[in-house]
Amino acid sequence: MTTANKITITRILLIPVFVMMAIYYGRSVQRGEPQEWERWTAIGIFVLAAASDGIDGYIARRFNQRSRLGVVLDPIADKGLLLTGIITLSLSNWAYEFPVWFAVLVVSRDAVIVIGALTLHFLNGTVSVRPTWMGKTATALQMIAIGVYMLQYNPFQKNLVVGRWNLDVAFLDIPVWLAGIFTLLSGIGYVAQGVAQMHHHGHPDPKDPNEI
């Protein structure tokens, strides 16, 4: 097994450790006795796991350690870390948590992409998912949102009255809304790619009465 693959596997093994520390910290917040060392440990593990993504990629390229196993494991590790971070910070009872809609949106988008890719592979025999700038931006904003939430950095929270709407807007809401918007738009873009590939290979739209 290559060094790059060992680092990738280590990243995968760090995910449950991160979840454990995040949950322990959430329970301490619930008890009214926040154990900040648990939060900082969770942050350290997450940062270490995220940084290892660049390290294993560099090693694979620098020392020609690209392998089929790495091609499979690397996206699993990356997406596993990202999704686990978002879901954990939605349910772990920290002082500031992700809204549930954000976790549902991110998981749903990725599920639609996976199901769509499998469907295209079944129908066409091949599938081409081209990363878009919007998808990359969504991923970057999701990582930023996780980082800000784990730091629990919330310098302001204001009440805005817009007509009949009374909204509480906090600093921590900003990265979440930005990540949510780009996640939704990138998901729509990937669905459009999939539909285009279906039509390119001659699969008609079942809703179109002019196609057979």
C-alpha atoms as a PDB file:
ATOM      1  CA  MET A   1       0.000   0.000   0.000  1.00  0.00           C
ATOM      2  CA  THR A   2       1.328   3.436  -0.922  1.00  0.00           C
ATOM      3  CA  THR A   3       2.065   6.209   1.576  1.00  0.00           C
ATOM      4  CA  ALA A   4      -0.627   8.374  -0.016  1.00  0.00           C
ATOM      5  CA  ASN A   5      -3.241   5.653   0.523  1.00  0.00           C
ATOM      6  CA  LYS A   6      -2.162   5.204   4.147  1.00  0.00           C
ATOM      7  CA  ILE A   7      -2.718   8.912   4.755  1.00  0.00           C
ATOM      8  CA  THR A   8      -6.134   8.719   3.092  1.00  0.00           C
ATOM      9  CA  ILE A   9      -7.142   5.757   5.273  1.00  0.00           C
ATOM     10  CA  THR A  10      -5.935   7.641   8.343  1.00  0.00           C
ATOM     11  CA  ARG A  11      -8.184  10.543   7.325  1.00  0.00           C
ATOM     12  CA  ILE A  12     -11.141   8.178   7.165  1.00  0.00           C
ATOM     13  CA  LEU A  13     -10.298   6.773  10.621  1.00  0.00           C
ATOM     14  CA  LEU A  14     -10.135  10.306  12.067  1.00  0.00           C
ATOM     15  CA  ILE A  15     -13.773  10.966  11.140  1.00  0.00           C
ATOM     16  CA  PRO A  16     -15.367   8.913  13.988  1.00  0.00           C
ATOM     17  CA  VAL A  17     -12.877  10.413  16.453  1.00  0.00           C
ATOM     18  CA  PHE A  18     -13.956  13.898  15.390  1.00  0.00           C
ATOM     19  CA  VAL A  19     -17.629  12.933  15.775  1.00  0.00           C
ATOM     20  CA  MET A  20     -16.990  11.507  19.253  1.00  0.00           C
ATOM     21  CA  MET A  21     -15.263  14.666  20.515  1.00  0.00           C
ATOM     22  CA  ALA A  22     -17.929  16.911  18.973  1.00  0.00           C
ATOM     23  CA  ILE A  23     -20.698  14.917  20.668  1.00  0.00           C
ATOM     24  CA  TYR A  24     -18.899  14.929  24.011  1.00  0.00           C
ATOM     25  CA  TYR A  25     -18.525  18.696  23.798  1.00  0.00           C
ATOM     26  CA  GLY A  26     -22.214  19.090  22.928  1.00  0.00           C
ATOM     27  CA  ARG A  27     -23.186  17.061  25.977  1.00  0.00           C
ATOM     28  CA  SER A  28     -21.000  19.232  28.187  1.00  0.00           C
ATOM     29  CA  VAL A  29     -22.778  22.311  26.796  1.00  0.00           C
ATOM     30  CA  GLN A  30     -26.120  20.710  27.633  1.00  0.00           C
ATOM     31  CA  ARG A  31     -24.959  20.153  31.212  1.00  0.00           C
ATOM     32  CA  GLY A  32     -24.042  23.822  31.470  1.00  0.00           C
ATOM     33  CA  GLU A  33     -20.361  22.953  31.907  1.00  0.00           C
ATOM     34  CA  PRO A  34     -18.744  23.383  28.460  1.00  0.00           C
ATOM     35  CA  GLN A  35     -15.461  21.509  28.207  1.00  0.00           C
ATOM     36  CA  GLU A  36     -13.603  23.743  25.789  1.00  0.00           C
ATOM     37  CA  TRP A  37     -10.720  21.295  25.436  1.00  0.00           C
ATOM     38  CA  GLU A  38     -13.142  18.859  23.811  1.00  0.00           C
ATOM     39  CA  ARG A  39     -14.204  21.483  21.277  1.00  0.00           C
ATOM     40  CA  TRP A  40     -10.606  22.409  20.485  1.00  0.00           C
ATOM     41  CA  THR A  41      -9.704  18.737  20.170  1.00  0.00           C
ATOM     42  CA  ALA A  42     -12.549  18.285  17.679  1.00  0.00           C
ATOM     43  CA  ILE A  43     -11.322  21.339  15.770  1.00  0.00           C
ATOM     44  CA  GLY A  44      -7.743  20.034  15.749  1.00  0.00           C
ATOM     45  CA  ILE A  45      -8.808  16.624  14.454  1.00  0.00           C
ATOM     46  CA  PHE A  46     -10.938  18.183  11.726  1.00  0.00           C
ATOM     47  CA  VAL A  47      -8.141  20.527  10.614  1.00  0.00           C
ATOM     48  CA  LEU A  48      -5.638  17.644  10.611  1.00  0.00           C
ATOM     49  CA  ALA A  49      -7.964  15.486   8.535  1.00  0.00           C
ATOM     50  CA  ALA A  50      -8.691  18.322   6.098  1.00  0.00           C
ATOM     51  CA  ALA A  51      -4.982  19.154   5.731  1.00  0.00           C
ATOM     52  CA  SER A  52      -4.126  15.518   5.014  1.00  0.00           C
ATOM     53  CA  ASP A  53      -6.171  15.779   1.813  1.00  0.00           C
ATOM     54  CA  GLY A  54      -3.590  18.108   0.315  1.00  0.00           C
ATOM     55  CA  ILE A  55      -0.703  16.072   1.706  1.00  0.00           C
ATOM     56  CA  ASP A  56      -1.753  12.735   0.220  1.00  0.00           C
ATOM     57  CA  GLY A  57      -2.521  14.416  -3.093  1.00  0.00           C
ATOM     58  CA  TYR A  58       0.925  16.004  -3.183  1.00  0.00           C
ATOM     59  CA  ILE A  59       2.650  12.717  -2.307  1.00  0.00           C
ATOM     60  CA  ALA A  60       0.663  10.832  -4.947  1.00  0.00           C
ATOM     61  CA  ARG A  61       1.688  13.327  -7.628  1.00  0.00           C
ATOM     62  CA  ARG A  62       5.268  13.941  -6.463  1.00  0.00           C
ATOM     63  CA  PHE A  63       6.235  10.296  -6.055  1.00  0.00           C
ATOM     64  CA  ASN A  64       3.935   8.846  -8.699  1.00  0.00           C
ATOM     65  CA  GLN A  65       1.815   6.937  -6.178  1.00  0.00           C
ATOM     66  CA  ARG A  66      -1.495   7.236  -7.984  1.00  0.00           C
ATOM     67  CA  SER A  67      -3.487   4.013  -7.686  1.00  0.00           C
ATOM     68  CA  ARG A  68      -6.966   2.629  -8.279  1.00  0.00           C
ATOM     69  CA  LEU A  69      -7.451   2.288  -4.531  1.00  0.00           C
ATOM     70  CA  GLY A  70      -6.573   5.943  -4.051  1.00  0.00           C
ATOM     71  CA  VAL A  71      -9.033   6.996  -6.755  1.00  0.00           C
ATOM     72  CA  VAL A  72     -11.797   5.234  -4.781  1.00  0.00           C
ATOM     73  CA  LEU A  73     -10.734   6.125  -1.230  1.00  0.00           C
ATOM     74  CA  ASP A  74      -9.867   9.803  -1.687  1.00  0.00           C
ATOM     75  CA  PRO A  75     -13.360  11.077  -2.632  1.00  0.00           C
ATOM     76  CA  ILE A  76     -14.883   8.849   0.059  1.00  0.00           C
ATOM     77  CA  ALA A  77     -12.598  10.412   2.671  1.00  0.00           C
ATOM     78  CA  ASP A  78     -13.210  13.965   1.435  1.00  0.00           C
ATOM     79  CA  LYS A  79     -16.979  13.704   1.170  1.00  0.00           C
ATOM     80  CA  GLY A  80     -17.205  11.658   4.367  1.00  0.00           C
ATOM     81  CA  LEU A  81     -15.360  14.332   6.344  1.00  0.00           C
ATOM     82  CA  LEU A  82     -17.455  17.153   4.891  1.00  0.00           C
ATOM     83  CA  LEU A  83     -20.847  15.486   5.335  1.00  0.00           C
ATOM     84  CA  THR A  84     -19.980  14.184   8.788  1.00  0.00           C
ATOM     85  CA  GLY A  85     -18.910  17.649   9.890  1.00  0.00           C
ATOM     86  CA  ILE A  86     -22.150  19.237   8.681  1.00  0.00           C
ATOM     87  CA  ILE A  87     -24.430  16.537  10.095  1.00  0.00           C
ATOM     88  CA  THR A  88     -22.590  16.462  13.433  1.00  0.00           C
ATOM     89  CA  LEU A  89     -22.760  20.226  13.845  1.00  0.00           C
ATOM     90  CA  SER A  90     -26.501  20.060  13.105  1.00  0.00           C
ATOM     91  CA  LEU A  91     -27.249  17.557  15.870  1.00  0.00           C
ATOM     92  CA  SER A  92     -24.518  17.836  18.501  1.00  0.00           C
ATOM     93  CA  ASN A  93     -26.112  20.468  20.812  1.00  0.00           C
ATOM     94  CA  TRP A  94     -23.330  23.037  20.540  1.00  0.00           C
ATOM     95  CA  ALA A  95     -24.203  26.613  21.549  1.00  0.00           C
ATOM     96  CA  TYR A  96     -24.514  27.421  17.830  1.00  0.00           C
ATOM     97  CA  GLU A  97     -25.640  24.637  15.504  1.00  0.00           C
ATOM     98  CA  PHE A  98     -26.196  24.347  11.800  1.00  0.00           C
ATOM     99  CA  PRO A  99     -29.885  24.643  10.902  1.00  0.00           C
ATOM    100  CA  VAL A 100     -31.312  21.266   9.979  1.00  0.00           C
ATOM    101  CA  TRP A 101     -32.306  22.508   6.514  1.00  0.00           C
ATOM    102  CA  PHE A 102     -28.637  23.047   5.675  1.00  0.00           C
ATOM    103  CA  ALA A 103     -27.666  19.454   6.467  1.00  0.00           C
ATOM    104  CA  VAL A 104     -30.708  18.138   4.580  1.00  0.00           C
ATOM    105  CA  LEU A 105     -29.855  20.290   1.545  1.00  0.00           C
ATOM    106  CA  VAL A 106     -26.209  19.177   1.395  1.00  0.00           C
ATOM    107  CA  VAL A 107     -27.006  15.487   1.876  1.00  0.00           C
ATOM    108  CA  SER A 108     -29.892  15.623  -0.608  1.00  0.00           C
ATOM    109  CA  ARG A 109     -27.762  17.270  -3.288  1.00  0.00           C
ATOM    110  CA  ASP A 110     -25.036  14.650  -2.969  1.00  0.00           C
ATOM    111  CA  ALA A 111     -27.616  11.852  -2.930  1.00  0.00           C
ATOM    112  CA  VAL A 112     -29.201  13.192  -6.129  1.00  0.00           C
ATOM    113  CA  ILE A 113     -25.763  13.367  -7.797  1.00  0.00           C
ATOM    114  CA  VAL A 114     -24.924   9.778  -6.830  1.00  0.00           C
ATOM    115  CA  ILE A 115     -28.329   8.406  -7.865  1.00  0.00           C
ATOM    116  CA  GLY A 116     -28.175  10.382 -11.109  1.00  0.00           C
ATOM    117  CA  ALA A 117     -24.685   9.065 -11.892  1.00  0.00           C
ATOM    118  CA  LEU A 118     -25.788   5.481 -11.269  1.00  0.00           C
ATOM    119  CA  THR A 119     -28.858   6.001 -13.440  1.00  0.00           C
ATOM    120  CA  LEU A 120     -26.779   7.418 -16.291  1.00  0.00           C
ATOM    121  CA  HIS A 121     -24.322   4.552 -16.008  1.00  0.00           C
ATOM    122  CA  PHE A 122     -27.196   2.069 -16.179  1.00  0.00           C
ATOM    123  CA  LEU A 123     -28.828   3.764 -19.178  1.00  0.00           C
ATOM    124  CA  ASN A 124     -25.775   4.927 -21.125  1.00  0.00           C
ATOM    125  CA  GLY A 125     -23.023   2.618 -19.948  1.00  0.00           C
ATOM    126  CA  THR A 126     -20.905   5.689 -19.228  1.00  0.00           C
ATOM    127  CA  VAL A 127     -21.234   8.822 -17.135  1.00  0.00           C
ATOM    128  CA  SER A 128     -19.262  12.049 -17.108  1.00  0.00           C
ATOM    129  CA  VAL A 129     -19.622  14.314 -14.068  1.00  0.00           C
ATOM    130  CA  ARG A 130     -17.636  17.469 -14.732  1.00  0.00           C
ATOM    131  CA  PRO A 131     -16.824  19.541 -11.638  1.00  0.00           C
ATOM    132  CA  THR A 132     -18.089  23.113 -12.015  1.00  0.00           C
ATOM    133  CA  TRP A 133     -16.834  26.334 -10.473  1.00  0.00           C
ATOM    134  CA  MET A 134     -20.139  26.583  -8.660  1.00  0.00           C
ATOM    135  CA  GLY A 135     -19.730  23.107  -7.178  1.00  0.00           C
ATOM    136  CA  LYS A 136     -16.176  23.897  -6.087  1.00  0.00           C
ATOM    137  CA  THR A 137     -17.372  27.180  -4.564  1.00  0.00           C
ATOM    138  CA  ALA A 138     -20.137  25.343  -2.694  1.00  0.00           C
ATOM    139  CA  THR A 139     -17.603  22.893  -1.248  1.00  0.00           C
ATOM    140  CA  ALA A 140     -15.271  25.720  -0.205  1.00  0.00           C
ATOM    141  CA  LEU A 141     -18.122  27.632   1.447  1.00  0.00           C
ATOM    142  CA  GLN A 142     -19.262  24.488   3.259  1.00  0.00           C
ATOM    143  CA  MET A 143     -15.748  24.062   4.685  1.00  0.00           C
ATOM    144  CA  ILE A 144     -15.663  27.724   5.721  1.00  0.00           C
ATOM    145  CA  ALA A 145     -19.059  27.377   7.393  1.00  0.00           C
ATOM    146  CA  ILE A 146     -17.857  24.328   9.343  1.00  0.00           C
ATOM    147  CA  GLY A 147     -14.730  26.169  10.460  1.00  0.00           C
ATOM    148  CA  VAL A 148     -16.619  29.267  11.605  1.00  0.00           C
ATOM    149  CA  TYR A 149     -19.208  27.207  13.449  1.00  0.00           C
ATOM    150  CA  MET A 150     -16.604  25.112  15.249  1.00  0.00           C
ATOM    151  CA  LEU A 151     -14.883  28.305  16.385  1.00  0.00           C
ATOM    152  CA  GLN A 152     -18.321  29.472  17.585  1.00  0.00           C
ATOM    153  CA  TYR A 153     -17.331  32.945  16.403  1.00  0.00           C
ATOM    154  CA  ASN A 154     -20.425  35.173  16.390  1.00  0.00           C
ATOM    155  CA  PRO A 155     -19.439  38.857  16.731  1.00  0.00           C
ATOM    156  CA  PHE A 156     -22.934  40.204  16.109  1.00  0.00           C
ATOM    157  CA  GLN A 157     -26.589  39.237  16.126  1.00  0.00           C
ATOM    158  CA  LYS A 158     -29.251  41.705  15.062  1.00  0.00           C
ATOM    159  CA  ASN A 159     -32.992  41.782  14.781  1.00  0.00           C
ATOM    160  CA  LEU A 160     -34.255  42.956  11.400  1.00  0.00           C
ATOM    161  CA  VAL A 161     -37.844  43.975  10.710  1.00  0.00           C
ATOM    162  CA  VAL A 162     -38.822  43.737   7.038  1.00  0.00           C
ATOM    163  CA  GLY A 163     -42.509  44.487   6.644  1.00  0.00           C
ATOM    164  CA  ARG A 164     -44.306  41.820   8.645  1.00  0.00           C
ATOM    165  CA  TRP A 165     -41.143  39.730   8.907  1.00  0.00           C
ATOM    166  CA  ASN A 166     -39.180  39.807  12.142  1.00  0.00           C
ATOM    167  CA  LEU A 167     -35.801  38.169  11.574  1.00  0.00           C
ATOM    168  CA  ASP A 168     -32.899  37.415  13.907  1.00  0.00           C
ATOM    169  CA  VAL A 169     -29.739  37.607  11.797  1.00  0.00           C
ATOM    170  CA  ALA A 170     -26.415  36.465  13.250  1.00  0.00           C
ATOM    171  CA  PHE A 171     -22.928  36.560  11.777  1.00  0.00           C
ATOM    172  CA  LEU A 172     -22.906  32.759  11.749  1.00  0.00           C
ATOM    173  CA  ASP A 173     -25.936  32.755   9.461  1.00  0.00           C
ATOM    174  CA  ILE A 174     -23.966  34.401   6.625  1.00  0.00           C
ATOM    175  CA  PRO A 175     -21.597  31.519   5.676  1.00  0.00           C
ATOM    176  CA  VAL A 176     -24.445  29.024   6.033  1.00  0.00           C
ATOM    177  CA  TRP A 177     -26.758  30.920   3.690  1.00  0.00           C
ATOM    178  CA  LEU A 178     -23.983  31.470   1.145  1.00  0.00           C
ATOM    179  CA  ALA A 179     -23.026  27.784   1.253  1.00  0.00           C
ATOM    180  CA  GLY A 180     -26.695  26.807   1.009  1.00  0.00           C
ATOM    181  CA  ILE A 181     -27.325  28.992  -2.047  1.00  0.00           C
ATOM    182  CA  PHE A 182     -24.295  27.676  -3.938  1.00  0.00           C
ATOM    183  CA  THR A 183     -25.081  24.088  -2.891  1.00  0.00           C
ATOM    184  CA  LEU A 184     -28.584  24.390  -4.328  1.00  0.00           C
ATOM    185  CA  LEU A 185     -27.443  26.079  -7.550  1.00  0.00           C
ATOM    186  CA  SER A 186     -24.620  23.589  -8.091  1.00  0.00           C
ATOM    187  CA  GLY A 187     -27.057  20.721  -7.576  1.00  0.00           C
ATOM    188  CA  ILE A 188     -29.335  22.159 -10.252  1.00  0.00           C
ATOM    189  CA  GLY A 189     -26.323  22.470 -12.543  1.00  0.00           C
ATOM    190  CA  TYR A 190     -25.337  18.831 -12.071  1.00  0.00           C
ATOM    191  CA  VAL A 191     -28.922  17.712 -12.745  1.00  0.00           C
ATOM    192  CA  ALA A 192     -28.854  19.763 -15.964  1.00  0.00           C
ATOM    193  CA  GLN A 193     -25.621  17.990 -16.958  1.00  0.00           C
ATOM    194  CA  GLY A 194     -27.268  14.633 -16.374  1.00  0.00           C
ATOM    195  CA  VAL A 195     -30.371  15.504 -18.413  1.00  0.00           C
ATOM    196  CA  ALA A 196     -28.169  16.722 -21.269  1.00  0.00           C
ATOM    197  CA  GLN A 197     -26.228  13.448 -21.259  1.00  0.00           C
ATOM    198  CA  MET A 198     -29.458  11.430 -21.333  1.00  0.00           C
ATOM    199  CA  HIS A 199     -30.698  13.340 -24.393  1.00  0.00           C
ATOM    200  CA  HIS A 200     -27.298  13.078 -26.056  1.00  0.00           C
ATOM    201  CA  HIS A 201     -27.477   9.283 -25.830  1.00  0.00           C
ATOM    202  CA  GLY A 202     -31.025   9.178 -27.185  1.00  0.00           C
ATOM    203  CA  HIS A 203     -33.102   8.758 -24.015  1.00  0.00           C
ATOM    204  CA  PRO A 204     -36.263  10.823 -24.465  1.00  0.00           C
ATOM    205  CA  ASP A 205     -38.007  12.818 -21.794  1.00  0.00           C
ATOM    206  CA  PRO A 206     -40.965  10.647 -20.658  1.00  0.00           C
ATOM    207  CA  LYS A 207     -43.025  13.823 -20.158  1.00  0.00           C
ATOM    208  CA  ASP A 208     -42.585  14.957 -23.770  1.00  0.00           C
ATOM    209  CA  PRO A 209     -45.474  13.548 -25.896  1.00  0.00           C
ATOM    210  CA  ASN A 210     -43.543  14.267 -29.108  1.00  0.00           C
ATOM    211  CA  GLU A 211     -40.785  11.816 -28.225  1.00  0.00           C
ATOM    212  CA  ILE A 212     -41.116   8.046 -28.263  1.00  0.00           C
END
